[in-house]
Structures are given as C-alpha cells and as structure tokens.
Amino acid sequence: GIPVVLKISRTTEMTCATEIILPKHTINSNLPLNQTVEIKIGTLKKDEIRFGCGMNMMESGQIHVQ
C-alpha cells in the first residue's frame, strides 16, 4: 500500500541507456548525466516489472515486487 518511487542516476556517457522505459506502466523518462531522476510508479502489487533503454537494446532489466 506504499507508493513506489525509483531514484535513478546515470553516471556514464558510454551507454545507450540515456532514458528508461517501463512499458507496463507507460513510463518513458530521460536520464540526464550525473543527475538523479525520480520516477513515480505508484502502489504496486506482487509482480515483475521489466524495463529497458529507449533504443530497446537493454530490455532485460527486471524489478521484482514481493
């Protein structure tokens, strides 16, 4: 019952992950270099959330909600 907020920091320019996409939650957020971005996902149920970069090259990330 607690809203989830992800805090993400991109610390390198040597990556295609300059944005993050969470398709199931229709979230697409830019990740500026060396800045923390807060992504509000809302209240979650037990599930698996997949995420990836904006170019769909890194699409195997998973967040497990238990």
PDB file of N, CA and C in Angstrom:
ATOM      1  N   GLY A   1       0.789  -1.202   0.000  1.00  0.00           N
ATOM      2  CA  GLY A   1       0.000   0.000   0.000  1.00  0.00           C
ATOM      3  C   GLY A   1       0.834   1.271   0.000  1.00  0.00           C
ATOM      4  N   ILE A   2       2.135   1.140  -0.219  1.00  0.00           N
ATOM      5  CA  ILE A   2       3.008   2.320  -0.201  1.00  0.00           C
ATOM      6  C   ILE A   2       3.406   2.669  -1.634  1.00  0.00           C
ATOM      7  N   PRO A   3       3.250   3.931  -2.061  1.00  0.00           N
ATOM      8  CA  PRO A   3       3.666   4.321  -3.406  1.00  0.00           C
ATOM      9  C   PRO A   3       5.178   4.155  -3.595  1.00  0.00           C
ATOM     10  N   VAL A   4       5.570   3.666  -4.767  1.00  0.00           N
ATOM     11  CA  VAL A   4       6.976   3.398  -5.077  1.00  0.00           C
ATOM     12  C   VAL A   4       7.538   4.522  -5.929  1.00  0.00           C
ATOM     13  N   VAL A   5       8.736   4.992  -5.549  1.00  0.00           N
ATOM     14  CA  VAL A   5       9.459   5.988  -6.329  1.00  0.00           C
ATOM     15  C   VAL A   5      10.857   5.429  -6.583  1.00  0.00           C
ATOM     16  N   LEU A   6      11.212   5.271  -7.872  1.00  0.00           N
ATOM     17  CA  LEU A   6      12.566   4.851  -8.226  1.00  0.00           C
ATOM     18  C   LEU A   6      13.443   6.086  -8.311  1.00  0.00           C
ATOM     19  N   LYS A   7      14.664   5.980  -7.800  1.00  0.00           N
ATOM     20  CA  LYS A   7      15.639   7.064  -7.929  1.00  0.00           C
ATOM     21  C   LYS A   7      16.801   6.502  -8.732  1.00  0.00           C
ATOM     22  N   ILE A   8      16.996   7.050  -9.936  1.00  0.00           N
ATOM     23  CA  ILE A   8      17.975   6.507 -10.865  1.00  0.00           C
ATOM     24  C   ILE A   8      18.976   7.591 -11.247  1.00  0.00           C
ATOM     25  N   SER A   9      20.278   7.229 -11.252  1.00  0.00           N
ATOM     26  CA  SER A   9      21.333   8.144 -11.665  1.00  0.00           C
ATOM     27  C   SER A   9      22.173   7.483 -12.749  1.00  0.00           C
ATOM     28  N   ARG A  10      22.307   8.150 -13.886  1.00  0.00           N
ATOM     29  CA  ARG A  10      23.201   7.671 -14.952  1.00  0.00           C
ATOM     30  C   ARG A  10      24.547   8.339 -14.738  1.00  0.00           C
ATOM     31  N   THR A  11      25.611   7.537 -14.639  1.00  0.00           N
ATOM     32  CA  THR A  11      26.924   8.080 -14.295  1.00  0.00           C
ATOM     33  C   THR A  11      27.954   7.926 -15.403  1.00  0.00           C
ATOM     34  N   THR A  12      27.533   7.518 -16.594  1.00  0.00           N
ATOM     35  CA  THR A  12      28.481   7.372 -17.698  1.00  0.00           C
ATOM     36  C   THR A  12      27.843   7.831 -19.005  1.00  0.00           C
ATOM     37  N   GLU A  13      28.678   8.333 -19.896  1.00  0.00           N
ATOM     38  CA  GLU A  13      28.215   8.690 -21.235  1.00  0.00           C
ATOM     39  C   GLU A  13      28.333   7.506 -22.186  1.00  0.00           C
ATOM     40  N   MET A  14      29.056   6.474 -21.777  1.00  0.00           N
ATOM     41  CA  MET A  14      29.325   5.305 -22.618  1.00  0.00           C
ATOM     42  C   MET A  14      28.194   4.290 -22.525  1.00  0.00           C
ATOM     43  N   THR A  15      26.975   4.700 -22.846  1.00  0.00           N
ATOM     44  CA  THR A  15      25.817   3.821 -22.746  1.00  0.00           C
ATOM     45  C   THR A  15      24.704   4.322 -23.656  1.00  0.00           C
ATOM     46  N   CYS A  16      23.862   3.407 -24.067  1.00  0.00           N
ATOM     47  CA  CYS A  16      22.659   3.805 -24.803  1.00  0.00           C
ATOM     48  C   CYS A  16      21.516   4.090 -23.836  1.00  0.00           C
ATOM     49  N   ALA A  17      21.725   3.817 -22.566  1.00  0.00           N
ATOM     50  CA  ALA A  17      20.665   3.973 -21.555  1.00  0.00           C
ATOM     51  C   ALA A  17      20.572   5.417 -21.083  1.00  0.00           C
ATOM     52  N   THR A  18      20.275   6.322 -22.012  1.00  0.00           N
ATOM     53  CA  THR A  18      20.098   7.730 -21.658  1.00  0.00           C
ATOM     54  C   THR A  18      18.645   8.025 -21.297  1.00  0.00           C
ATOM     55  N   GLU A  19      17.813   7.007 -21.397  1.00  0.00           N
ATOM     56  CA  GLU A  19      16.433   7.087 -20.925  1.00  0.00           C
ATOM     57  C   GLU A  19      16.017   5.691 -20.480  1.00  0.00           C
ATOM     58  N   ILE A  20      14.984   5.631 -19.669  1.00  0.00           N
ATOM     59  CA  ILE A  20      14.486   4.346 -19.195  1.00  0.00           C
ATOM     60  C   ILE A  20      13.014   4.225 -19.570  1.00  0.00           C
ATOM     61  N   ILE A  21      12.652   3.019 -19.986  1.00  0.00           N
ATOM     62  CA  ILE A  21      11.277   2.748 -20.375  1.00  0.00           C
ATOM     63  C   ILE A  21      10.741   1.600 -19.529  1.00  0.00           C
ATOM     64  N   LEU A  22       9.573   1.802 -18.940  1.00  0.00           N
ATOM     65  CA  LEU A  22       8.846   0.751 -18.229  1.00  0.00           C
ATOM     66  C   LEU A  22       7.532   0.578 -18.987  1.00  0.00           C
ATOM     67  N   PRO A  23       7.507  -0.289 -19.999  1.00  0.00           N
ATOM     68  CA  PRO A  23       6.347  -0.400 -20.885  1.00  0.00           C
ATOM     69  C   PRO A  23       5.031  -0.689 -20.169  1.00  0.00           C
ATOM     70  N   LYS A  24       5.054  -1.559 -19.180  1.00  0.00           N
ATOM     71  CA  LYS A  24       3.827  -1.945 -18.486  1.00  0.00           C
ATOM     72  C   LYS A  24       3.158  -0.761 -17.786  1.00  0.00           C
ATOM     73  N   HIS A  25       3.963   0.228 -17.422  1.00  0.00           N
ATOM     74  CA  HIS A  25       3.454   1.400 -16.709  1.00  0.00           C
ATOM     75  C   HIS A  25       3.455   2.638 -17.599  1.00  0.00           C
ATOM     76  N   THR A  26       3.704   2.448 -18.888  1.00  0.00           N
ATOM     77  CA  THR A  26       3.777   3.537 -19.875  1.00  0.00           C
ATOM     78  C   THR A  26       4.631   4.702 -19.374  1.00  0.00           C
ATOM     79  N   ILE A  27       5.813   4.347 -18.862  1.00  0.00           N
ATOM     80  CA  ILE A  27       6.758   5.349 -18.375  1.00  0.00           C
ATOM     81  C   ILE A  27       7.943   5.396 -19.324  1.00  0.00           C
ATOM     82  N   ASN A  28       8.317   6.597 -19.722  1.00  0.00           N
ATOM     83  CA  ASN A  28       9.500   6.841 -20.535  1.00  0.00           C
ATOM     84  C   ASN A  28      10.135   8.104 -19.973  1.00  0.00           C
ATOM     85  N   SER A  29      11.327   7.966 -19.375  1.00  0.00           N
ATOM     86  CA  SER A  29      11.937   9.092 -18.685  1.00  0.00           C
ATOM     87  C   SER A  29      13.388   9.257 -19.117  1.00  0.00           C
ATOM     88  N   ASN A  30      13.774  10.494 -19.432  1.00  0.00           N
ATOM     89  CA  ASN A  30      15.168  10.786 -19.750  1.00  0.00           C
ATOM     90  C   ASN A  30      16.025  10.641 -18.504  1.00  0.00           C
ATOM     91  N   LEU A  31      17.285  10.221 -18.715  1.00  0.00           N
ATOM     92  CA  LEU A  31      18.243  10.079 -17.618  1.00  0.00           C
ATOM     93  C   LEU A  31      19.444  10.983 -17.897  1.00  0.00           C
ATOM     94  N   PRO A  32      19.369  12.256 -17.502  1.00  0.00           N
ATOM     95  CA  PRO A  32      20.496  13.158 -17.726  1.00  0.00           C
ATOM     96  C   PRO A  32      21.727  12.687 -16.948  1.00  0.00           C
ATOM     97  N   LEU A  33      22.885  12.926 -17.516  1.00  0.00           N
ATOM     98  CA  LEU A  33      24.147  12.502 -16.912  1.00  0.00           C
ATOM     99  C   LEU A  33      24.346  13.152 -15.541  1.00  0.00           C
ATOM    100  N   ASN A  34      24.713  12.326 -14.569  1.00  0.00           N
ATOM    101  CA  ASN A  34      25.052  12.756 -13.206  1.00  0.00           C
ATOM    102  C   ASN A  34      23.927  13.508 -12.488  1.00  0.00           C
ATOM    103  N   GLN A  35      22.688  13.167 -12.806  1.00  0.00           N
ATOM    104  CA  GLN A  35      21.547  13.755 -12.110  1.00  0.00           C
ATOM    105  C   GLN A  35      20.621  12.623 -11.674  1.00  0.00           C
ATOM    106  N   THR A  36      20.091  12.732 -10.487  1.00  0.00           N
ATOM    107  CA  THR A  36      19.143  11.733 -10.004  1.00  0.00           C
ATOM    108  C   THR A  36      17.753  12.086 -10.504  1.00  0.00           C
ATOM    109  N   VAL A  37      17.104  11.095 -11.109  1.00  0.00           N
ATOM    110  CA  VAL A  37      15.749  11.261 -11.627  1.00  0.00           C
ATOM    111  C   VAL A  37      14.816  10.422 -10.763  1.00  0.00           C
ATOM    112  N   GLU A  38      13.723  11.015 -10.328  1.00  0.00           N
ATOM    113  CA  GLU A  38      12.723  10.280  -9.557  1.00  0.00           C
ATOM    114  C   GLU A  38      11.583   9.884 -10.477  1.00  0.00           C
ATOM    115  N   ILE A  39      11.260   8.594 -10.471  1.00  0.00           N
ATOM    116  CA  ILE A  39      10.181   8.064 -11.300  1.00  0.00           C
ATOM    117  C   ILE A  39       9.122   7.491 -10.373  1.00  0.00           C
ATOM    118  N   LYS A  40       7.960   8.122 -10.381  1.00  0.00           N
ATOM    119  CA  LYS A  40       6.864   7.689  -9.515  1.00  0.00           C
ATOM    120  C   LYS A  40       6.080   6.600 -10.233  1.00  0.00           C
ATOM    121  N   ILE A  41       6.073   5.404  -9.647  1.00  0.00           N
ATOM    122  CA  ILE A  41       5.384   4.260 -10.248  1.00  0.00           C
ATOM    123  C   ILE A  41       4.005   4.059  -9.630  1.00  0.00           C
ATOM    124  N   GLY A  42       3.831   4.466  -8.410  1.00  0.00           N
ATOM    125  CA  GLY A  42       2.549   4.275  -7.736  1.00  0.00           C
ATOM    126  C   GLY A  42       2.586   3.050  -6.836  1.00  0.00           C
ATOM    127  N   THR A  43       1.444   2.652  -6.347  1.00  0.00           N
ATOM    128  CA  THR A  43       1.326   1.483  -5.480  1.00  0.00           C
ATOM    129  C   THR A  43       1.359   0.224  -6.341  1.00  0.00           C
ATOM    130  N   LEU A  44       2.185  -0.726  -5.954  1.00  0.00           N
ATOM    131  CA  LEU A  44       2.376  -1.934  -6.759  1.00  0.00           C
ATOM    132  C   LEU A  44       1.868  -3.174  -6.051  1.00  0.00           C
ATOM    133  N   LYS A  45       1.452  -4.144  -6.842  1.00  0.00           N
ATOM    134  CA  LYS A  45       1.093  -5.463  -6.344  1.00  0.00           C
ATOM    135  C   LYS A  45       2.243  -6.408  -6.666  1.00  0.00           C
ATOM    136  N   LYS A  46       2.216  -7.597  -6.110  1.00  0.00           N
ATOM    137  CA  LYS A  46       3.244  -8.594  -6.372  1.00  0.00           C
ATOM    138  C   LYS A  46       3.314  -8.829  -7.888  1.00  0.00           C
ATOM    139  N   ASP A  47       4.486  -8.616  -8.458  1.00  0.00           N
ATOM    140  CA  ASP A  47       4.620  -8.672  -9.914  1.00  0.00           C
ATOM    141  C   ASP A  47       6.086  -8.561 -10.296  1.00  0.00           C
ATOM    142  N   GLU A  48       6.342  -8.593 -11.573  1.00  0.00           N
ATOM    143  CA  GLU A  48       7.663  -8.361 -12.144  1.00  0.00           C
ATOM    144  C   GLU A  48       7.527  -7.188 -13.102  1.00  0.00           C
ATOM    145  N   ILE A  49       8.365  -6.186 -12.929  1.00  0.00           N
ATOM    146  CA  ILE A  49       8.342  -5.021 -13.802  1.00  0.00           C
ATOM    147  C   ILE A  49       9.586  -5.074 -14.673  1.00  0.00           C
ATOM    148  N   ARG A  50       9.387  -5.096 -15.982  1.00  0.00           N
ATOM    149  CA  ARG A  50      10.506  -5.107 -16.916  1.00  0.00           C
ATOM    150  C   ARG A  50      10.810  -3.677 -17.343  1.00  0.00           C
ATOM    151  N   PHE A  51      12.109  -3.401 -17.569  1.00  0.00           N
ATOM    152  CA  PHE A  51      12.495  -2.072 -18.028  1.00  0.00           C
ATOM    153  C   PHE A  51      13.645  -2.183 -19.009  1.00  0.00           C
ATOM    154  N   GLY A  52      13.868  -1.120 -19.742  1.00  0.00           N
ATOM    155  CA  GLY A  52      14.947  -1.101 -20.711  1.00  0.00           C
ATOM    156  C   GLY A  52      15.282   0.315 -21.122  1.00  0.00           C
ATOM    157  N   CYS A  53      16.214   0.420 -22.076  1.00  0.00           N
ATOM    158  CA  CYS A  53      16.626   1.730 -22.575  1.00  0.00           C
ATOM    159  C   CYS A  53      15.701   2.162 -23.700  1.00  0.00           C
ATOM    160  N   GLY A  54      15.842   3.399 -24.125  1.00  0.00           N
ATOM    161  CA  GLY A  54      14.988   3.947 -25.156  1.00  0.00           C
ATOM    162  C   GLY A  54      15.176   3.329 -26.531  1.00  0.00           C
ATOM    163  N   MET A  55      16.314   2.670 -26.768  1.00  0.00           N
ATOM    164  CA  MET A  55      16.582   2.055 -28.068  1.00  0.00           C
ATOM    165  C   MET A  55      16.224   0.565 -28.085  1.00  0.00           C
ATOM    166  N   ASN A  56      15.633   0.086 -27.009  1.00  0.00           N
ATOM    167  CA  ASN A  56      15.264  -1.328 -26.852  1.00  0.00           C
ATOM    168  C   ASN A  56      16.454  -2.273 -26.983  1.00  0.00           C
ATOM    169  N   MET A  57      17.637  -1.790 -26.692  1.00  0.00           N
ATOM    170  CA  MET A  57      18.823  -2.645 -26.734  1.00  0.00           C
ATOM    171  C   MET A  57      19.049  -3.295 -25.370  1.00  0.00           C
ATOM    172  N   MET A  58      18.666  -2.609 -24.327  1.00  0.00           N
ATOM    173  CA  MET A  58      18.815  -3.135 -22.976  1.00  0.00           C
ATOM    174  C   MET A  58      17.403  -3.308 -22.437  1.00  0.00           C
ATOM    175  N   GLU A  59      16.794  -4.434 -22.709  1.00  0.00           N
ATOM    176  CA  GLU A  59      15.395  -4.610 -22.316  1.00  0.00           C
ATOM    177  C   GLU A  59      15.194  -5.757 -21.352  1.00  0.00           C
ATOM    178  N   SER A  60      16.250  -6.190 -20.720  1.00  0.00           N
ATOM    179  CA  SER A  60      16.117  -7.355 -19.853  1.00  0.00           C
ATOM    180  C   SER A  60      16.137  -7.030 -18.372  1.00  0.00           C
ATOM    181  N   GLY A  61      16.083  -5.738 -18.037  1.00  0.00           N
ATOM    182  CA  GLY A  61      16.060  -5.384 -16.628  1.00  0.00           C
ATOM    183  C   GLY A  61      14.753  -5.778 -15.988  1.00  0.00           C
ATOM    184  N   GLN A  62      14.832  -6.172 -14.722  1.00  0.00           N
ATOM    185  CA  GLN A  62      13.629  -6.602 -14.006  1.00  0.00           C
ATOM    186  C   GLN A  62      13.644  -6.070 -12.583  1.00  0.00           C
ATOM    187  N   ILE A  63      12.472  -5.667 -12.126  1.00  0.00           N
ATOM    188  CA  ILE A  63      12.268  -5.314 -10.737  1.00  0.00           C
ATOM    189  C   ILE A  63      11.233  -6.291 -10.212  1.00  0.00           C
ATOM    190  N   HIS A  64      11.564  -6.991  -9.136  1.00  0.00           N
ATOM    191  CA  HIS A  64      10.652  -7.978  -8.564  1.00  0.00           C
ATOM    192  C   HIS A  64       9.952  -7.370  -7.358  1.00  0.00           C
ATOM    193  N   VAL A  65       8.636  -7.278  -7.440  1.00  0.00           N
ATOM    194  CA  VAL A  65       7.830  -6.755  -6.342  1.00  0.00           C
ATOM    195  C   VAL A  65       7.293  -7.952  -5.571  1.00  0.00           C
ATOM    196  N   GLN A  66       7.609  -8.007  -4.279  1.00  0.00           N
ATOM    197  CA  GLN A  66       7.187  -9.155  -3.478  1.00  0.00           C
ATOM    198  C   GLN A  66       6.251  -8.734  -2.367  1.00  0.00           C
TER     199      GLN A  66
END
